[in-house]
């Protein structure tokens, strides 16, 4: 009986450490861009070298917001950290695009937390390096496009 309790505490501690790392991590240098697409809209964050690192896409037909992060391997969850909310979201991996993807309903509180986060938003998966980006308005525009 003690083992499950100890394991649960260890998982909680590991999650807390990951969140603490993102709380003090500085966003990487780069910029967001926004574009209307045939079926909705997309915001893309590219690092200082111009390499895309993160995508947020609204698909109006399904009213879903997709967030995709570059990844080198599959992971069951994408941890999304904001200044007000942190959550592990079930993820899928596409080896052809090397992206880890999550889908959210347009009124999911996590999207509000991303839009209003102070200073940074963090994305991490498994043992892969975390991606910390600034919360610019382009991401908020995609969220609002799916709510309209």
C-alpha atoms as a PDB file:
ATOM      1  CA  UNK A   1       0.000   0.000   0.000  1.00  0.00           C
ATOM      2  CA  UNK A   2       2.851   2.388   0.698  1.00  0.00           C
ATOM      3  CA  UNK A   3       4.422   1.935  -2.726  1.00  0.00           C
ATOM      4  CA  UNK A   4       1.549   3.558  -4.728  1.00  0.00           C
ATOM      5  CA  UNK A   5       1.558   6.552  -2.381  1.00  0.00           C
ATOM      6  CA  UNK A   6       5.323   7.000  -2.699  1.00  0.00           C
ATOM      7  CA  UNK A   7       5.094   6.653  -6.494  1.00  0.00           C
ATOM      8  CA  UNK A   8       2.342   9.266  -6.637  1.00  0.00           C
ATOM      9  CA  UNK A   9       4.404  11.668  -4.536  1.00  0.00           C
ATOM     10  CA  UNK A  10       7.418  11.132  -6.791  1.00  0.00           C
ATOM     11  CA  UNK A  11       5.347  11.913  -9.882  1.00  0.00           C
ATOM     12  CA  UNK A  12       3.975  15.045  -8.237  1.00  0.00           C
ATOM     13  CA  UNK A  13       7.475  16.181  -7.319  1.00  0.00           C
ATOM     14  CA  UNK A  14       8.725  15.566 -10.863  1.00  0.00           C
ATOM     15  CA  UNK A  15       5.816  17.557 -12.298  1.00  0.00           C
ATOM     16  CA  UNK A  16       6.506  20.397  -9.870  1.00  0.00           C
ATOM     17  CA  UNK A  17      10.170  20.486 -10.857  1.00  0.00           C
ATOM     18  CA  UNK A  18       9.261  20.693 -14.538  1.00  0.00           C
ATOM     19  CA  UNK A  19       6.882  23.561 -13.804  1.00  0.00           C
ATOM     20  CA  UNK A  20       9.508  25.373 -11.728  1.00  0.00           C
ATOM     21  CA  UNK A  21      12.021  25.139 -14.557  1.00  0.00           C
ATOM     22  CA  UNK A  22       9.532  26.773 -16.927  1.00  0.00           C
ATOM     23  CA  UNK A  23       8.677  29.461 -14.377  1.00  0.00           C
ATOM     24  CA  UNK A  24      12.205  30.847 -14.551  1.00  0.00           C
ATOM     25  CA  UNK A  25      13.075  29.958 -18.145  1.00  0.00           C
ATOM     26  CA  UNK A  26      13.451  32.845 -20.569  1.00  0.00           C
ATOM     27  CA  UNK A  27      11.611  32.634 -23.896  1.00  0.00           C
ATOM     28  CA  UNK A  28      13.818  31.785 -26.852  1.00  0.00           C
ATOM     29  CA  UNK A  29      14.534  34.513 -29.385  1.00  0.00           C
ATOM     30  CA  UNK A  30      12.243  34.461 -32.364  1.00  0.00           C
ATOM     31  CA  UNK A  31       8.975  35.773 -33.715  1.00  0.00           C
ATOM     32  CA  UNK A  32       5.348  34.813 -34.234  1.00  0.00           C
ATOM     33  CA  UNK A  33       3.587  35.171 -37.580  1.00  0.00           C
ATOM     34  CA  UNK A  34      -0.129  34.945 -38.322  1.00  0.00           C
ATOM     35  CA  UNK A  35      -1.862  33.942 -41.549  1.00  0.00           C
ATOM     36  CA  UNK A  36      -5.412  33.222 -42.631  1.00  0.00           C
ATOM     37  CA  UNK A  37      -5.724  29.789 -44.242  1.00  0.00           C
ATOM     38  CA  UNK A  38      -8.389  28.233 -46.449  1.00  0.00           C
ATOM     39  CA  UNK A  39      -9.994  26.491 -43.489  1.00  0.00           C
ATOM     40  CA  UNK A  40      -9.161  28.856 -40.635  1.00  0.00           C
ATOM     41  CA  UNK A  41      -5.932  30.450 -39.483  1.00  0.00           C
ATOM     42  CA  UNK A  42      -2.439  29.651 -38.238  1.00  0.00           C
ATOM     43  CA  UNK A  43       0.117  31.263 -35.958  1.00  0.00           C
ATOM     44  CA  UNK A  44       3.677  30.038 -36.212  1.00  0.00           C
ATOM     45  CA  UNK A  45       6.614  30.696 -33.912  1.00  0.00           C
ATOM     46  CA  UNK A  46      10.032  30.540 -35.566  1.00  0.00           C
ATOM     47  CA  UNK A  47      13.327  30.770 -33.692  1.00  0.00           C
ATOM     48  CA  UNK A  48      15.920  33.470 -34.417  1.00  0.00           C
ATOM     49  CA  UNK A  49      17.240  31.389 -37.337  1.00  0.00           C
ATOM     50  CA  UNK A  50      13.771  31.257 -38.903  1.00  0.00           C
ATOM     51  CA  UNK A  51      13.149  27.584 -38.089  1.00  0.00           C
ATOM     52  CA  UNK A  52       9.493  26.925 -37.124  1.00  0.00           C
ATOM     53  CA  UNK A  53       9.231  25.538 -33.594  1.00  0.00           C
ATOM     54  CA  UNK A  54       5.538  25.826 -32.703  1.00  0.00           C
ATOM     55  CA  UNK A  55       2.253  26.014 -34.615  1.00  0.00           C
ATOM     56  CA  UNK A  56      -1.233  26.970 -33.456  1.00  0.00           C
ATOM     57  CA  UNK A  57      -3.952  26.309 -35.981  1.00  0.00           C
ATOM     58  CA  UNK A  58      -7.702  26.906 -36.023  1.00  0.00           C
ATOM     59  CA  UNK A  59      -9.767  24.570 -38.162  1.00  0.00           C
ATOM     60  CA  UNK A  60     -13.101  26.353 -38.463  1.00  0.00           C
ATOM     61  CA  UNK A  61     -15.005  23.329 -39.833  1.00  0.00           C
ATOM     62  CA  UNK A  62     -14.328  21.321 -36.661  1.00  0.00           C
ATOM     63  CA  UNK A  63     -13.854  24.328 -34.336  1.00  0.00           C
ATOM     64  CA  UNK A  64     -10.677  22.814 -32.947  1.00  0.00           C
ATOM     65  CA  UNK A  65      -7.398  24.498 -32.046  1.00  0.00           C
ATOM     66  CA  UNK A  66      -4.346  22.394 -32.792  1.00  0.00           C
ATOM     67  CA  UNK A  67      -0.993  23.063 -31.152  1.00  0.00           C
ATOM     68  CA  UNK A  68       2.058  21.361 -32.636  1.00  0.00           C
ATOM     69  CA  UNK A  69       5.646  21.412 -31.363  1.00  0.00           C
ATOM     70  CA  UNK A  70       8.720  20.078 -33.102  1.00  0.00           C
ATOM     71  CA  UNK A  71       9.768  16.802 -31.505  1.00  0.00           C
ATOM     72  CA  UNK A  72      12.355  14.114 -32.059  1.00  0.00           C
ATOM     73  CA  UNK A  73      10.224  11.273 -30.697  1.00  0.00           C
ATOM     74  CA  UNK A  74       6.735  10.334 -29.609  1.00  0.00           C
ATOM     75  CA  UNK A  75       5.458  11.272 -26.153  1.00  0.00           C
ATOM     76  CA  UNK A  76       2.060  10.512 -24.628  1.00  0.00           C
ATOM     77  CA  UNK A  77       1.548  14.064 -23.386  1.00  0.00           C
ATOM     78  CA  UNK A  78       2.521  17.618 -24.157  1.00  0.00           C
ATOM     79  CA  UNK A  79       2.913  19.625 -20.954  1.00  0.00           C
ATOM     80  CA  UNK A  80       1.689  23.182 -21.467  1.00  0.00           C
ATOM     81  CA  UNK A  81       2.807  25.722 -18.855  1.00  0.00           C
ATOM     82  CA  UNK A  82       1.415  29.248 -18.476  1.00  0.00           C
ATOM     83  CA  UNK A  83       1.663  31.744 -15.644  1.00  0.00           C
ATOM     84  CA  UNK A  84      -1.823  30.739 -14.456  1.00  0.00           C
ATOM     85  CA  UNK A  85      -2.373  27.123 -15.533  1.00  0.00           C
ATOM     86  CA  UNK A  86      -0.345  24.012 -16.300  1.00  0.00           C
ATOM     87  CA  UNK A  87      -1.711  20.874 -17.886  1.00  0.00           C
ATOM     88  CA  UNK A  88      -0.582  17.665 -19.568  1.00  0.00           C
ATOM     89  CA  UNK A  89      -2.577  17.219 -22.779  1.00  0.00           C
ATOM     90  CA  UNK A  90      -2.776  13.887 -24.622  1.00  0.00           C
ATOM     91  CA  UNK A  91      -0.578  14.141 -27.716  1.00  0.00           C
ATOM     92  CA  UNK A  92       0.054  12.344 -30.967  1.00  0.00           C
ATOM     93  CA  UNK A  93       3.328  12.225 -32.885  1.00  0.00           C
ATOM     94  CA  UNK A  94       3.728  12.384 -36.644  1.00  0.00           C
ATOM     95  CA  UNK A  95       7.186  11.076 -37.618  1.00  0.00           C
ATOM     96  CA  UNK A  96       6.807  12.451 -41.173  1.00  0.00           C
ATOM     97  CA  UNK A  97       6.574  16.033 -39.881  1.00  0.00           C
ATOM     98  CA  UNK A  98       8.491  15.496 -36.601  1.00  0.00           C
ATOM     99  CA  UNK A  99       5.690  17.216 -34.677  1.00  0.00           C
ATOM    100  CA  UNK A 100       3.949  16.400 -31.435  1.00  0.00           C
ATOM    101  CA  UNK A 101       0.334  17.582 -31.701  1.00  0.00           C
ATOM    102  CA  UNK A 102      -2.559  18.260 -29.327  1.00  0.00           C
ATOM    103  CA  UNK A 103      -6.135  19.351 -30.074  1.00  0.00           C
ATOM    104  CA  UNK A 104      -8.296  21.543 -27.875  1.00  0.00           C
ATOM    105  CA  UNK A 105     -11.882  22.767 -27.964  1.00  0.00           C
ATOM    106  CA  UNK A 106     -12.062  26.516 -28.695  1.00  0.00           C
ATOM    107  CA  UNK A 107     -13.267  27.440 -25.192  1.00  0.00           C
ATOM    108  CA  UNK A 108     -10.782  25.259 -23.296  1.00  0.00           C
ATOM    109  CA  UNK A 109      -9.457  27.254 -20.291  1.00  0.00           C
ATOM    110  CA  UNK A 110      -5.907  26.316 -21.306  1.00  0.00           C
ATOM    111  CA  UNK A 111      -6.268  28.466 -24.429  1.00  0.00           C
ATOM    112  CA  UNK A 112      -7.294  31.452 -22.292  1.00  0.00           C
ATOM    113  CA  UNK A 113      -4.271  30.807 -20.098  1.00  0.00           C
ATOM    114  CA  UNK A 114      -1.984  30.755 -23.172  1.00  0.00           C
ATOM    115  CA  UNK A 115      -3.484  34.027 -24.438  1.00  0.00           C
ATOM    116  CA  UNK A 116      -3.076  35.824 -21.105  1.00  0.00           C
ATOM    117  CA  UNK A 117       0.156  34.289 -19.816  1.00  0.00           C
ATOM    118  CA  UNK A 118       2.616  36.821 -18.457  1.00  0.00           C
ATOM    119  CA  UNK A 119       5.976  36.804 -20.204  1.00  0.00           C
ATOM    120  CA  UNK A 120       6.176  33.226 -21.483  1.00  0.00           C
ATOM    121  CA  UNK A 121       4.413  30.010 -22.362  1.00  0.00           C
ATOM    122  CA  UNK A 122       6.232  26.686 -22.076  1.00  0.00           C
ATOM    123  CA  UNK A 123       5.787  23.400 -23.900  1.00  0.00           C
ATOM    124  CA  UNK A 124       7.581  20.213 -22.888  1.00  0.00           C
ATOM    125  CA  UNK A 125       7.291  16.510 -23.629  1.00  0.00           C
ATOM    126  CA  UNK A 126       9.065  13.599 -22.002  1.00  0.00           C
ATOM    127  CA  UNK A 127      12.828  14.046 -21.876  1.00  0.00           C
ATOM    128  CA  UNK A 128      12.916  16.396 -24.870  1.00  0.00           C
ATOM    129  CA  UNK A 129      14.020  19.993 -24.301  1.00  0.00           C
ATOM    130  CA  UNK A 130      11.271  22.397 -23.306  1.00  0.00           C
ATOM    131  CA  UNK A 131      10.240  25.158 -25.689  1.00  0.00           C
ATOM    132  CA  UNK A 132       9.494  28.491 -24.023  1.00  0.00           C
ATOM    133  CA  UNK A 133       8.033  31.231 -26.211  1.00  0.00           C
ATOM    134  CA  UNK A 134       6.635  34.722 -25.658  1.00  0.00           C
ATOM    135  CA  UNK A 135       2.799  34.941 -25.646  1.00  0.00           C
ATOM    136  CA  UNK A 136       2.280  37.338 -28.553  1.00  0.00           C
ATOM    137  CA  UNK A 137      -1.103  38.336 -29.997  1.00  0.00           C
ATOM    138  CA  UNK A 138      -0.825  36.014 -33.020  1.00  0.00           C
ATOM    139  CA  UNK A 139      -1.673  32.984 -30.876  1.00  0.00           C
ATOM    140  CA  UNK A 140      -4.672  34.831 -29.411  1.00  0.00           C
ATOM    141  CA  UNK A 141      -5.936  35.652 -32.904  1.00  0.00           C
ATOM    142  CA  UNK A 142      -5.997  31.950 -33.806  1.00  0.00           C
ATOM    143  CA  UNK A 143      -7.941  31.150 -30.631  1.00  0.00           C
ATOM    144  CA  UNK A 144     -10.463  33.913 -31.350  1.00  0.00           C
ATOM    145  CA  UNK A 145     -10.852  32.740 -34.958  1.00  0.00           C
ATOM    146  CA  UNK A 146     -12.084  29.362 -33.682  1.00  0.00           C
ATOM    147  CA  UNK A 147     -14.519  30.988 -31.276  1.00  0.00           C
ATOM    148  CA  UNK A 148     -16.226  33.155 -33.891  1.00  0.00           C
END
